[in-house]
PDB file of N, CA and C in Angstrom:
ATOM      1  N   MET A   1      19.838  -5.424 -16.108  1.00  0.00           N
ATOM      2  CA  MET A   1      17.882  -4.937 -15.319  1.00  0.00           C
ATOM      3  C   MET A   1      18.184  -3.370 -16.434  1.00  0.00           C
ATOM      4  N   SER A   2      17.014  -3.329 -17.232  1.00  0.00           N
ATOM      5  CA  SER A   2      17.155  -2.048 -17.791  1.00  0.00           C
ATOM      6  C   SER A   2      15.837  -1.156 -16.244  1.00  0.00           C
ATOM      7  N   SER A   3      16.201  -0.176 -16.256  1.00  0.00           N
ATOM      8  CA  SER A   3      15.224   0.658 -15.274  1.00  0.00           C
ATOM      9  C   SER A   3      13.938   1.719 -16.194  1.00  0.00           C
ATOM     10  N   VAL A   4      12.728   1.619 -15.218  1.00  0.00           N
ATOM     11  CA  VAL A   4      11.795   2.003 -15.966  1.00  0.00           C
ATOM     12  C   VAL A   4      11.838   3.690 -15.461  1.00  0.00           C
ATOM     13  N   LYS A   5      11.592   4.350 -16.595  1.00  0.00           N
ATOM     14  CA  LYS A   5      11.930   6.071 -16.095  1.00  0.00           C
ATOM     15  C   LYS A   5      10.510   6.295 -16.350  1.00  0.00           C
ATOM     16  N   LEU A   6       9.916   6.971 -15.155  1.00  0.00           N
ATOM     17  CA  LEU A   6       8.351   7.680 -15.320  1.00  0.00           C
ATOM     18  C   LEU A   6       8.339   9.118 -15.942  1.00  0.00           C
ATOM     19  N   VAL A   7       7.707   9.148 -17.232  1.00  0.00           N
ATOM     20  CA  VAL A   7       7.587  10.071 -17.854  1.00  0.00           C
ATOM     21  C   VAL A   7       6.216  11.586 -17.547  1.00  0.00           C
ATOM     22  N   ASN A   8       4.803  10.855 -17.269  1.00  0.00           N
ATOM     23  CA  ASN A   8       4.141  11.356 -16.767  1.00  0.00           C
ATOM     24  C   ASN A   8       2.994  10.450 -15.869  1.00  0.00           C
ATOM     25  N   GLU A   9       2.570  11.389 -14.980  1.00  0.00           N
ATOM     26  CA  GLU A   9       1.818  10.681 -14.076  1.00  0.00           C
ATOM     27  C   GLU A   9       0.661  11.588 -14.265  1.00  0.00           C
ATOM     28  N   LYS A  10      -0.507  10.810 -14.216  1.00  0.00           N
ATOM     29  CA  LYS A  10      -1.865  11.290 -14.574  1.00  0.00           C
ATOM     30  C   LYS A  10      -2.765  10.544 -13.687  1.00  0.00           C
ATOM     31  N   PRO A  11      -3.843  11.149 -12.943  1.00  0.00           N
ATOM     32  CA  PRO A  11      -5.063  10.290 -12.360  1.00  0.00           C
ATOM     33  C   PRO A  11      -6.140   9.995 -13.654  1.00  0.00           C
ATOM     34  N   VAL A  12      -6.715   8.740 -13.309  1.00  0.00           N
ATOM     35  CA  VAL A  12      -7.801   8.454 -14.396  1.00  0.00           C
ATOM     36  C   VAL A  12      -8.704   7.771 -13.943  1.00  0.00           C
ATOM     37  N   SER A  13     -10.018   8.205 -14.378  1.00  0.00           N
ATOM     38  CA  SER A  13     -11.306   7.938 -13.750  1.00  0.00           C
ATOM     39  C   SER A  13     -11.616   6.379 -13.763  1.00  0.00           C
ATOM     40  N   LEU A  14     -12.798   5.688 -13.299  1.00  0.00           N
ATOM     41  CA  LEU A  14     -12.887   4.602 -13.673  1.00  0.00           C
ATOM     42  C   LEU A  14     -13.824   4.297 -14.647  1.00  0.00           C
ATOM     43  N   ALA A  15     -14.123   5.274 -15.271  1.00  0.00           N
ATOM     44  CA  ALA A  15     -15.216   5.196 -16.517  1.00  0.00           C
ATOM     45  C   ALA A  15     -13.972   5.571 -17.462  1.00  0.00           C
ATOM     46  N   GLU A  16     -12.513   6.419 -17.513  1.00  0.00           N
ATOM     47  CA  GLU A  16     -12.171   6.387 -18.372  1.00  0.00           C
ATOM     48  C   GLU A  16     -11.016   4.387 -18.563  1.00  0.00           C
ATOM     49  N   LEU A  17     -11.063   4.167 -17.364  1.00  0.00           N
ATOM     50  CA  LEU A  17     -10.177   3.055 -16.949  1.00  0.00           C
ATOM     51  C   LEU A  17     -11.147   1.607 -17.755  1.00  0.00           C
ATOM     52  N   LYS A  18     -12.637   1.954 -17.750  1.00  0.00           N
ATOM     53  CA  LYS A  18     -13.323   1.047 -18.165  1.00  0.00           C
ATOM     54  C   LYS A  18     -13.454   1.141 -20.188  1.00  0.00           C
ATOM     55  N   ASP A  19     -12.807   2.345 -20.378  1.00  0.00           N
ATOM     56  CA  ASP A  19     -13.207   2.594 -21.835  1.00  0.00           C
ATOM     57  C   ASP A  19     -11.819   1.681 -22.285  1.00  0.00           C
ATOM     58  N   LYS A  20     -10.630   1.935 -21.604  1.00  0.00           N
ATOM     59  CA  LYS A  20      -9.171   1.618 -21.856  1.00  0.00           C
ATOM     60  C   LYS A  20      -9.522   0.206 -21.990  1.00  0.00           C
ATOM     61  N   LEU A  21     -10.003  -0.511 -21.349  1.00  0.00           N
ATOM     62  CA  LEU A  21      -9.939  -2.063 -21.047  1.00  0.00           C
ATOM     63  C   LEU A  21     -10.931  -2.704 -22.023  1.00  0.00           C
ATOM     64  N   GLU A  22     -11.973  -1.898 -22.433  1.00  0.00           N
ATOM     65  CA  GLU A  22     -12.855  -2.073 -23.741  1.00  0.00           C
ATOM     66  C   GLU A  22     -12.042  -1.964 -25.108  1.00  0.00           C
ATOM     67  N   GLU A  23     -11.325  -1.485 -24.972  1.00  0.00           N
ATOM     68  CA  GLU A  23     -10.346  -1.042 -26.483  1.00  0.00           C
ATOM     69  C   GLU A  23      -9.162  -2.213 -26.494  1.00  0.00           C
ATOM     70  N   ILE A  24      -8.933  -2.430 -24.820  1.00  0.00           N
ATOM     71  CA  ILE A  24      -7.956  -3.620 -25.109  1.00  0.00           C
ATOM     72  C   ILE A  24      -8.665  -4.883 -25.531  1.00  0.00           C
ATOM     73  N   GLN A  25      -9.660  -5.266 -24.973  1.00  0.00           N
ATOM     74  CA  GLN A  25     -10.484  -6.407 -25.346  1.00  0.00           C
ATOM     75  C   GLN A  25     -10.663  -6.261 -26.852  1.00  0.00           C
ATOM     76  N   LYS A  26     -11.009  -5.131 -27.559  1.00  0.00           N
ATOM     77  CA  LYS A  26     -11.270  -5.272 -28.737  1.00  0.00           C
ATOM     78  C   LYS A  26     -10.033  -5.546 -29.728  1.00  0.00           C
ATOM     79  N   ARG A  27      -9.243  -5.001 -29.367  1.00  0.00           N
ATOM     80  CA  ARG A  27      -7.608  -5.182 -29.779  1.00  0.00           C
ATOM     81  C   ARG A  27      -7.316  -6.693 -29.713  1.00  0.00           C
ATOM     82  N   ASP A  28      -7.183  -7.212 -28.316  1.00  0.00           N
ATOM     83  CA  ASP A  28      -6.599  -8.481 -28.541  1.00  0.00           C
ATOM     84  C   ASP A  28      -7.891  -9.749 -28.567  1.00  0.00           C
ATOM     85  N   GLU A  29      -8.861  -9.485 -28.728  1.00  0.00           N
ATOM     86  CA  GLU A  29     -10.353 -10.328 -28.773  1.00  0.00           C
ATOM     87  C   GLU A  29     -10.434 -10.916 -27.465  1.00  0.00           C
ATOM     88  N   GLN A  30      -9.900 -10.823 -26.505  1.00  0.00           N
ATOM     89  CA  GLN A  30      -9.963 -11.704 -25.003  1.00  0.00           C
ATOM     90  C   GLN A  30      -9.041 -11.105 -24.165  1.00  0.00           C
ATOM     91  N   LEU A  31      -9.447 -10.940 -22.943  1.00  0.00           N
ATOM     92  CA  LEU A  31      -8.952 -10.060 -21.799  1.00  0.00           C
ATOM     93  C   LEU A  31      -8.263 -11.671 -20.854  1.00  0.00           C
ATOM     94  N   SER A  32      -7.236 -11.184 -20.351  1.00  0.00           N
ATOM     95  CA  SER A  32      -6.683 -12.130 -19.380  1.00  0.00           C
ATOM     96  C   SER A  32      -7.643 -12.485 -18.278  1.00  0.00           C
ATOM     97  N   PHE A  33      -6.955 -13.155 -17.582  1.00  0.00           N
ATOM     98  CA  PHE A  33      -7.645 -13.487 -15.830  1.00  0.00           C
ATOM     99  C   PHE A  33      -8.520 -12.369 -15.213  1.00  0.00           C
ATOM    100  N   ARG A  34      -6.923 -11.563 -14.903  1.00  0.00           N
ATOM    101  CA  ARG A  34      -6.874 -10.329 -14.270  1.00  0.00           C
ATOM    102  C   ARG A  34      -8.055  -8.940 -15.096  1.00  0.00           C
ATOM    103  N   GLY A  35      -7.861  -9.155 -16.173  1.00  0.00           N
ATOM    104  CA  GLY A  35      -8.429  -8.016 -17.144  1.00  0.00           C
ATOM    105  C   GLY A  35      -9.976  -8.239 -16.685  1.00  0.00           C
ATOM    106  N   ASN A  36     -10.815  -9.552 -17.034  1.00  0.00           N
ATOM    107  CA  ASN A  36     -11.712 -10.074 -16.540  1.00  0.00           C
ATOM    108  C   ASN A  36     -12.393  -9.754 -15.073  1.00  0.00           C
ATOM    109  N   LYS A  37     -11.645  -9.713 -14.412  1.00  0.00           N
ATOM    110  CA  LYS A  37     -11.732  -9.666 -13.060  1.00  0.00           C
ATOM    111  C   LYS A  37     -11.999  -8.244 -12.932  1.00  0.00           C
ATOM    112  N   VAL A  38     -11.217  -7.200 -13.490  1.00  0.00           N
ATOM    113  CA  VAL A  38     -11.610  -6.132 -13.571  1.00  0.00           C
ATOM    114  C   VAL A  38     -12.665  -5.447 -14.240  1.00  0.00           C
ATOM    115  N   LYS A  39     -12.834  -5.846 -15.223  1.00  0.00           N
ATOM    116  CA  LYS A  39     -14.127  -5.453 -16.275  1.00  0.00           C
ATOM    117  C   LYS A  39     -15.463  -5.853 -15.563  1.00  0.00           C
ATOM    118  N   ASP A  40     -15.444  -6.721 -14.523  1.00  0.00           N
ATOM    119  CA  ASP A  40     -16.506  -7.266 -13.600  1.00  0.00           C
ATOM    120  C   ASP A  40     -16.799  -6.221 -12.847  1.00  0.00           C
ATOM    121  N   TYR A  41     -15.513  -5.586 -12.019  1.00  0.00           N
ATOM    122  CA  TYR A  41     -15.615  -5.201 -11.091  1.00  0.00           C
ATOM    123  C   TYR A  41     -16.349  -3.576 -11.332  1.00  0.00           C
ATOM    124  N   LEU A  42     -15.629  -3.052 -12.688  1.00  0.00           N
ATOM    125  CA  LEU A  42     -15.781  -1.597 -13.188  1.00  0.00           C
ATOM    126  C   LEU A  42     -17.184  -1.756 -13.788  1.00  0.00           C
ATOM    127  N   ASN A  43     -17.672  -2.891 -14.284  1.00  0.00           N
ATOM    128  CA  ASN A  43     -19.104  -2.979 -14.655  1.00  0.00           C
ATOM    129  C   ASN A  43     -20.172  -2.684 -13.481  1.00  0.00           C
ATOM    130  N   LYS A  44     -19.895  -3.255 -12.543  1.00  0.00           N
ATOM    131  CA  LYS A  44     -20.538  -3.108 -10.793  1.00  0.00           C
ATOM    132  C   LYS A  44     -20.548  -1.501 -10.585  1.00  0.00           C
ATOM    133  N   LEU A  45     -19.119  -0.986 -10.471  1.00  0.00           N
ATOM    134  CA  LEU A  45     -19.052   0.204  -9.698  1.00  0.00           C
ATOM    135  C   LEU A  45     -19.155   1.350 -10.588  1.00  0.00           C
ATOM    136  N   VAL A  46     -18.900   1.495 -12.173  1.00  0.00           N
ATOM    137  CA  VAL A  46     -18.770   2.712 -12.526  1.00  0.00           C
ATOM    138  C   VAL A  46     -20.411   3.284 -12.968  1.00  0.00           C
ATOM    139  N   LYS A  47     -20.574   4.597 -12.570  1.00  0.00           N
ATOM    140  CA  LYS A  47     -21.733   5.069 -12.461  1.00  0.00           C
ATOM    141  C   LYS A  47     -22.135   5.887 -14.030  1.00  0.00           C
ATOM    142  N   LEU A  48     -20.855   6.499 -14.378  1.00  0.00           N
ATOM    143  CA  LEU A  48     -20.925   7.417 -15.516  1.00  0.00           C
ATOM    144  C   LEU A  48     -20.273   6.735 -16.515  1.00  0.00           C
ATOM    145  N   ASP A  49     -20.542   7.395 -17.724  1.00  0.00           N
ATOM    146  CA  ASP A  49     -19.863   7.085 -18.763  1.00  0.00           C
ATOM    147  C   ASP A  49     -18.721   8.150 -18.915  1.00  0.00           C
ATOM    148  N   SER A  50     -17.534   7.358 -19.936  1.00  0.00           N
ATOM    149  CA  SER A  50     -16.421   8.480 -19.315  1.00  0.00           C
ATOM    150  C   SER A  50     -16.600   9.978 -20.323  1.00  0.00           C
ATOM    151  N   LYS A  51     -17.658  10.254 -21.023  1.00  0.00           N
ATOM    152  CA  LYS A  51     -18.041  11.431 -21.543  1.00  0.00           C
ATOM    153  C   LYS A  51     -18.778  12.564 -20.473  1.00  0.00           C
ATOM    154  N   LYS A  52     -19.556  12.159 -19.644  1.00  0.00           N
ATOM    155  CA  LYS A  52     -20.184  12.758 -18.464  1.00  0.00           C
ATOM    156  C   LYS A  52     -18.721  12.586 -17.512  1.00  0.00           C
ATOM    157  N   SER A  53     -18.376  11.848 -17.300  1.00  0.00           N
ATOM    158  CA  SER A  53     -17.174  11.826 -16.179  1.00  0.00           C
ATOM    159  C   SER A  53     -16.076  12.998 -16.516  1.00  0.00           C
ATOM    160  N   GLN A  54     -15.655  13.071 -17.569  1.00  0.00           N
ATOM    161  CA  GLN A  54     -14.891  14.106 -18.170  1.00  0.00           C
ATOM    162  C   GLN A  54     -15.800  15.576 -18.180  1.00  0.00           C
ATOM    163  N   GLU A  55     -16.880  15.294 -18.333  1.00  0.00           N
ATOM    164  CA  GLU A  55     -17.826  16.813 -18.352  1.00  0.00           C
ATOM    165  C   GLU A  55     -17.333  17.509 -16.637  1.00  0.00           C
ATOM    166  N   LEU A  56     -17.698  16.223 -15.970  1.00  0.00           N
ATOM    167  CA  LEU A  56     -17.714  16.806 -14.223  1.00  0.00           C
ATOM    168  C   LEU A  56     -16.816  17.065 -14.003  1.00  0.00           C
ATOM    169  N   VAL A  57     -15.292  16.593 -14.669  1.00  0.00           N
ATOM    170  CA  VAL A  57     -13.986  16.927 -14.304  1.00  0.00           C
ATOM    171  C   VAL A  57     -13.959  18.471 -14.354  1.00  0.00           C
ATOM    172  N   LYS A  58     -14.198  18.708 -15.800  1.00  0.00           N
ATOM    173  CA  LYS A  58     -14.211  20.189 -16.181  1.00  0.00           C
ATOM    174  C   LYS A  58     -15.014  20.896 -15.424  1.00  0.00           C
ATOM    175  N   LYS A  59     -16.064  20.569 -14.976  1.00  0.00           N
ATOM    176  CA  LYS A  59     -17.086  21.503 -14.439  1.00  0.00           C
ATOM    177  C   LYS A  59     -16.504  21.888 -12.492  1.00  0.00           C
ATOM    178  N   ILE A  60     -15.999  20.722 -12.379  1.00  0.00           N
ATOM    179  CA  ILE A  60     -15.353  20.984 -10.941  1.00  0.00           C
ATOM    180  C   ILE A  60     -13.791  21.932 -11.057  1.00  0.00           C
ATOM    181  N   GLU A  61     -13.166  21.401 -12.330  1.00  0.00           N
ATOM    182  CA  GLU A  61     -12.158  22.285 -12.356  1.00  0.00           C
ATOM    183  C   GLU A  61     -12.150  23.962 -12.571  1.00  0.00           C
ATOM    184  N   SER A  62     -13.466  24.141 -13.110  1.00  0.00           N
ATOM    185  CA  SER A  62     -14.035  25.503 -13.465  1.00  0.00           C
ATOM    186  C   SER A  62     -14.483  26.107 -12.222  1.00  0.00           C
ATOM    187  N   LEU A  63     -14.925  25.386 -10.881  1.00  0.00           N
ATOM    188  CA  LEU A  63     -15.169  25.842  -9.504  1.00  0.00           C
ATOM    189  C   LEU A  63     -13.510  27.000  -9.349  1.00  0.00           C
ATOM    190  N   GLU A  64     -12.515  26.455  -9.853  1.00  0.00           N
ATOM    191  CA  GLU A  64     -11.478  27.188  -9.235  1.00  0.00           C
ATOM    192  C   GLU A  64     -11.296  27.230  -7.752  1.00  0.00           C
ATOM    193  N   ILE A  65     -11.101  25.801  -7.104  1.00  0.00           N
ATOM    194  CA  ILE A  65     -10.980  25.769  -5.733  1.00  0.00           C
ATOM    195  C   ILE A  65      -9.570  25.931  -5.402  1.00  0.00           C
ATOM    196  N   PRO A  66      -9.454  26.534  -4.546  1.00  0.00           N
ATOM    197  CA  PRO A  66      -7.717  26.646  -4.176  1.00  0.00           C
ATOM    198  C   PRO A  66      -7.195  25.080  -3.712  1.00  0.00           C
ATOM    199  N   ARG A  67      -6.187  24.382  -3.983  1.00  0.00           N
ATOM    200  CA  ARG A  67      -5.430  23.586  -3.695  1.00  0.00           C
ATOM    201  C   ARG A  67      -6.025  22.321  -3.679  1.00  0.00           C
ATOM    202  N   ILE A  68      -7.070  21.875  -4.849  1.00  0.00           N
ATOM    203  CA  ILE A  68      -7.532  20.782  -5.035  1.00  0.00           C
ATOM    204  C   ILE A  68      -6.435  19.969  -5.981  1.00  0.00           C
ATOM    205  N   LYS A  69      -6.491  18.823  -5.632  1.00  0.00           N
ATOM    206  CA  LYS A  69      -5.547  18.097  -6.951  1.00  0.00           C
ATOM    207  C   LYS A  69      -6.456  17.532  -7.822  1.00  0.00           C
ATOM    208  N   ASP A  70      -5.758  17.123  -8.678  1.00  0.00           N
ATOM    209  CA  ASP A  70      -6.350  16.085  -9.992  1.00  0.00           C
ATOM    210  C   ASP A  70      -6.915  14.793  -9.209  1.00  0.00           C
ATOM    211  N   ARG A  71      -6.013  14.171  -8.813  1.00  0.00           N
ATOM    212  CA  ARG A  71      -6.561  13.211  -8.143  1.00  0.00           C
ATOM    213  C   ARG A  71      -7.406  13.177  -7.020  1.00  0.00           C
ATOM    214  N   GLN A  72      -7.584  13.983  -6.523  1.00  0.00           N
ATOM    215  CA  GLN A  72      -8.602  14.433  -5.685  1.00  0.00           C
ATOM    216  C   GLN A  72     -10.083  14.304  -6.580  1.00  0.00           C
ATOM    217  N   ILE A  73      -9.907  15.565  -7.289  1.00  0.00           N
ATOM    218  CA  ILE A  73     -11.376  15.427  -8.578  1.00  0.00           C
ATOM    219  C   ILE A  73     -11.203  14.271  -8.712  1.00  0.00           C
ATOM    220  N   VAL A  74     -10.418  13.426  -9.395  1.00  0.00           N
ATOM    221  CA  VAL A  74     -11.004  12.006 -10.181  1.00  0.00           C
ATOM    222  C   VAL A  74     -11.625  11.154  -8.831  1.00  0.00           C
ATOM    223  N   LYS A  75     -11.014  11.333  -7.728  1.00  0.00           N
ATOM    224  CA  LYS A  75     -11.611  10.435  -6.923  1.00  0.00           C
ATOM    225  C   LYS A  75     -13.741  10.855  -6.530  1.00  0.00           C
ATOM    226  N   VAL A  76     -13.721  12.119  -6.833  1.00  0.00           N
ATOM    227  CA  VAL A  76     -14.964  12.425  -6.597  1.00  0.00           C
ATOM    228  C   VAL A  76     -15.786  12.094  -7.608  1.00  0.00           C
ATOM    229  N   VAL A  77     -15.611  11.982  -8.721  1.00  0.00           N
ATOM    230  CA  VAL A  77     -16.210  11.442  -9.854  1.00  0.00           C
ATOM    231  C   VAL A  77     -16.345  10.203  -9.734  1.00  0.00           C
ATOM    232  N   ASP A  78     -15.247   9.511  -9.230  1.00  0.00           N
ATOM    233  CA  ASP A  78     -15.537   8.206  -9.409  1.00  0.00           C
ATOM    234  C   ASP A  78     -16.776   7.597  -7.839  1.00  0.00           C
ATOM    235  N   VAL A  79     -16.911   8.530  -7.226  1.00  0.00           N
ATOM    236  CA  VAL A  79     -17.597   8.060  -6.031  1.00  0.00           C
ATOM    237  C   VAL A  79     -18.828   8.898  -6.020  1.00  0.00           C
ATOM    238  N   LEU A  80     -18.803  10.183  -6.493  1.00  0.00           N
ATOM    239  CA  LEU A  80     -19.931  10.903  -6.776  1.00  0.00           C
ATOM    240  C   LEU A  80     -20.837  11.117  -5.041  1.00  0.00           C
ATOM    241  N   PRO A  81     -20.073  11.890  -4.337  1.00  0.00           N
ATOM    242  CA  PRO A  81     -20.876  12.450  -2.880  1.00  0.00           C
ATOM    243  C   PRO A  81     -21.990  13.171  -3.388  1.00  0.00           C
ATOM    244  N   SER A  82     -23.083  12.491  -2.307  1.00  0.00           N
ATOM    245  CA  SER A  82     -24.329  13.154  -2.844  1.00  0.00           C
ATOM    246  C   SER A  82     -24.649  14.185  -1.617  1.00  0.00           C
ATOM    247  N   ASP A  83     -24.075  14.321  -0.625  1.00  0.00           N
ATOM    248  CA  ASP A  83     -23.844  15.503   0.173  1.00  0.00           C
ATOM    249  C   ASP A  83     -22.491  16.017   0.835  1.00  0.00           C
ATOM    250  N   LEU A  84     -22.983  16.700   1.919  1.00  0.00           N
ATOM    251  CA  LEU A  84     -21.494  17.376   2.494  1.00  0.00           C
ATOM    252  C   LEU A  84     -20.654  16.028   3.465  1.00  0.00           C
ATOM    253  N   GLU A  85     -21.475  15.241   3.872  1.00  0.00           N
ATOM    254  CA  GLU A  85     -21.072  14.388   4.821  1.00  0.00           C
ATOM    255  C   GLU A  85     -20.237  13.433   3.939  1.00  0.00           C
ATOM    256  N   ASP A  86     -20.905  13.139   2.711  1.00  0.00           N
ATOM    257  CA  ASP A  86     -20.160  11.774   1.844  1.00  0.00           C
ATOM    258  C   ASP A  86     -19.023  12.959   1.650  1.00  0.00           C
ATOM    259  N   MET A  87     -18.710  14.215   1.134  1.00  0.00           N
ATOM    260  CA  MET A  87     -17.737  14.855   0.430  1.00  0.00           C
ATOM    261  C   MET A  87     -16.618  15.105   1.761  1.00  0.00           C
ATOM    262  N   LYS A  88     -16.902  14.795   2.855  1.00  0.00           N
ATOM    263  CA  LYS A  88     -16.147  15.200   3.875  1.00  0.00           C
ATOM    264  C   LYS A  88     -15.317  13.708   4.240  1.00  0.00           C
ATOM    265  N   ALA A  89     -16.009  12.736   4.003  1.00  0.00           N
ATOM    266  CA  ALA A  89     -15.678  11.328   4.408  1.00  0.00           C
ATOM    267  C   ALA A  89     -14.670  10.738   3.350  1.00  0.00           C
ATOM    268  N   LEU A  90     -15.006  11.326   1.816  1.00  0.00           N
ATOM    269  CA  LEU A  90     -14.284  10.788   0.862  1.00  0.00           C
ATOM    270  C   LEU A  90     -12.576  12.120   0.814  1.00  0.00           C
ATOM    271  N   MET A  91     -12.660  13.220   1.420  1.00  0.00           N
ATOM    272  CA  MET A  91     -11.825  13.636   1.831  1.00  0.00           C
ATOM    273  C   MET A  91     -10.742  13.539   3.225  1.00  0.00           C
ATOM    274  N   THR A  92     -11.167  12.867   3.929  1.00  0.00           N
ATOM    275  CA  THR A  92     -10.586  12.327   5.187  1.00  0.00           C
ATOM    276  C   THR A  92      -9.480  11.953   4.823  1.00  0.00           C
ATOM    277  N   GLY A  93      -8.226  11.999   5.587  1.00  0.00           N
ATOM    278  CA  GLY A  93      -6.762  11.414   5.107  1.00  0.00           C
ATOM    279  C   GLY A  93      -5.863  12.361   4.186  1.00  0.00           C
ATOM    280  N   GLU A  94      -6.764  13.296   3.336  1.00  0.00           N
ATOM    281  CA  GLU A  94      -6.030  14.066   2.172  1.00  0.00           C
ATOM    282  C   GLU A  94      -5.566  15.179   3.238  1.00  0.00           C
ATOM    283  N   THR A  95      -4.170  15.309   2.699  1.00  0.00           N
ATOM    284  CA  THR A  95      -3.245  16.285   3.304  1.00  0.00           C
ATOM    285  C   THR A  95      -3.671  17.763   2.846  1.00  0.00           C
ATOM    286  N   THR A  96      -4.781  18.056   2.116  1.00  0.00           N
ATOM    287  CA  THR A  96      -5.153  19.309   1.480  1.00  0.00           C
ATOM    288  C   THR A  96      -6.376  19.662   2.126  1.00  0.00           C
ATOM    289  N   THR A  97      -6.331  20.854   2.729  1.00  0.00           N
ATOM    290  CA  THR A  97      -7.524  21.358   3.504  1.00  0.00           C
ATOM    291  C   THR A  97      -8.171  21.992   2.797  1.00  0.00           C
ATOM    292  N   ILE A  98      -9.535  22.076   2.308  1.00  0.00           N
ATOM    293  CA  ILE A  98     -10.590  21.897   1.486  1.00  0.00           C
ATOM    294  C   ILE A  98     -11.829  22.569   2.577  1.00  0.00           C
ATOM    295  N   THR A  99     -12.168  24.171   2.230  1.00  0.00           N
ATOM    296  CA  THR A  99     -13.582  24.499   2.857  1.00  0.00           C
ATOM    297  C   THR A  99     -14.796  24.092   2.917  1.00  0.00           C
ATOM    298  N   ASP A 100     -15.522  23.983   3.810  1.00  0.00           N
ATOM    299  CA  ASP A 100     -16.768  23.676   3.641  1.00  0.00           C
ATOM    300  C   ASP A 100     -17.916  23.892   2.631  1.00  0.00           C
ATOM    301  N   GLU A 101     -17.358  25.433   2.280  1.00  0.00           N
ATOM    302  CA  GLU A 101     -18.311  25.853   1.036  1.00  0.00           C
ATOM    303  C   GLU A 101     -17.825  25.870   0.111  1.00  0.00           C
ATOM    304  N   ASN A 102     -16.484  25.512  -0.225  1.00  0.00           N
ATOM    305  CA  ASN A 102     -15.896  24.753  -1.256  1.00  0.00           C
ATOM    306  C   ASN A 102     -16.464  22.882  -1.745  1.00  0.00           C
ATOM    307  N   MET A 103     -16.413  22.660  -0.686  1.00  0.00           N
ATOM    308  CA  MET A 103     -16.841  21.072  -0.405  1.00  0.00           C
ATOM    309  C   MET A 103     -18.211  21.090  -0.912  1.00  0.00           C
ATOM    310  N   GLN A 104     -19.003  22.150  -0.784  1.00  0.00           N
ATOM    311  CA  GLN A 104     -20.779  22.072  -0.969  1.00  0.00           C
ATOM    312  C   GLN A 104     -20.654  22.733  -2.039  1.00  0.00           C
ATOM    313  N   LYS A 105     -19.702  23.594  -2.638  1.00  0.00           N
ATOM    314  CA  LYS A 105     -19.746  23.665  -4.392  1.00  0.00           C
ATOM    315  C   LYS A 105     -19.580  22.536  -5.300  1.00  0.00           C
ATOM    316  N   ILE A 106     -18.941  21.552  -4.741  1.00  0.00           N
ATOM    317  CA  ILE A 106     -18.512  20.313  -5.346  1.00  0.00           C
ATOM    318  C   ILE A 106     -19.653  19.357  -5.268  1.00  0.00           C
ATOM    319  N   VAL A 107     -20.189  19.235  -4.313  1.00  0.00           N
ATOM    320  CA  VAL A 107     -21.428  18.517  -4.110  1.00  0.00           C
ATOM    321  C   VAL A 107     -22.177  18.828  -4.712  1.00  0.00           C
ATOM    322  N   GLU A 108     -22.820  20.211  -5.265  1.00  0.00           N
ATOM    323  CA  GLU A 108     -23.961  21.106  -5.910  1.00  0.00           C
ATOM    324  C   GLU A 108     -23.386  20.723  -7.283  1.00  0.00           C
ATOM    325  N   ALA A 109     -22.590  20.666  -7.722  1.00  0.00           N
ATOM    326  CA  ALA A 109     -22.020  20.456  -9.046  1.00  0.00           C
ATOM    327  C   ALA A 109     -22.017  18.998  -9.466  1.00  0.00           C
ATOM    328  N   VAL A 110     -21.983  17.927  -8.714  1.00  0.00           N
ATOM    329  CA  VAL A 110     -21.898  16.665  -8.604  1.00  0.00           C
ATOM    330  C   VAL A 110     -23.672  16.085  -8.724  1.00  0.00           C
ATOM    331  N   LYS A 111     -24.150  16.911  -8.001  1.00  0.00           N
ATOM    332  CA  LYS A 111     -25.680  16.601  -7.948  1.00  0.00           C
ATOM    333  C   LYS A 111     -26.195  16.250  -9.316  1.00  0.00           C
ATOM    334  N   GLU A 112     -26.176  17.088 -10.582  1.00  0.00           N
ATOM    335  CA  GLU A 112     -27.058  16.767 -11.395  1.00  0.00           C
ATOM    336  C   GLU A 112     -26.627  15.240 -12.557  1.00  0.00           C
ATOM    337  N   TYR A 113     -25.668  15.152 -11.733  1.00  0.00           N
ATOM    338  CA  TYR A 113     -24.855  14.161 -12.419  1.00  0.00           C
ATOM    339  C   TYR A 113     -24.971  12.482 -11.993  1.00  0.00           C
ATOM    340  N   LEU A 114     -25.551  12.439 -10.503  1.00  0.00           N
ATOM    341  CA  LEU A 114     -26.211  11.330  -9.740  1.00  0.00           C
ATOM    342  C   LEU A 114     -27.156  10.593 -10.566  1.00  0.00           C
ATOM    343  N   PRO A 115     -27.002   9.022 -10.313  1.00  0.00           N
ATOM    344  CA  PRO A 115     -27.933   8.436 -10.795  1.00  0.00           C
ATOM    345  C   PRO A 115     -29.444   8.815  -9.913  1.00  0.00           C
ATOM    346  N   LYS A 116     -30.267   8.731 -10.807  1.00  0.00           N
ATOM    347  CA  LYS A 116     -31.613   8.791 -10.194  1.00  0.00           C
ATOM    348  C   LYS A 116     -32.017   8.375  -8.450  1.00  0.00           C
ATOM    349  N   SER A 117     -31.447   7.039  -8.389  1.00  0.00           N
ATOM    350  CA  SER A 117     -31.879   6.314  -7.115  1.00  0.00           C
ATOM    351  C   SER A 117     -30.658   6.648  -5.740  1.00  0.00           C
ATOM    352  N   LYS A 118     -29.501   7.581  -6.186  1.00  0.00           N
ATOM    353  CA  LYS A 118     -28.770   7.957  -5.524  1.00  0.00           C
ATOM    354  C   LYS A 118     -28.925   9.788  -4.586  1.00  0.00           C
ATOM    355  N   LYS A 119     -29.915  10.345  -5.578  1.00  0.00           N
ATOM    356  CA  LYS A 119     -29.973  11.497  -5.196  1.00  0.00           C
ATOM    357  C   LYS A 119     -30.605  11.525  -3.721  1.00  0.00           C
ATOM    358  N   LYS A 120     -30.228  12.472  -2.850  1.00  0.00           N
ATOM    359  CA  LYS A 120     -31.014  12.711  -1.595  1.00  0.00           C
ATOM    360  C   LYS A 120     -31.932  14.279  -1.650  1.00  0.00           C
TER     361      LYS A 120
END
């Protein structure tokens, strides 16, 4: 039995996953049953296109928040917390401690990317 060796691990936003799935669909002309289920899920859930999600990732990274991890940034981009309470709920269960001030900076960065109906 061959062993699989993990070369690189990188978190991927849902918008990027949606783009990859569209590329696979163009290449293969048809998605599998699971692929279609994932596509339906992503169509309902993804709020930003991949370009805007990458912009938001860069914006959050530019805030230079100590100890924040790439997977946490991707989670923020996928969920788009609209206030500090949403941000705290998103970070619940994480081992990394981020101050309220830094969480508020993230929320402010996210606000301009929120869909009109979700802004508070």
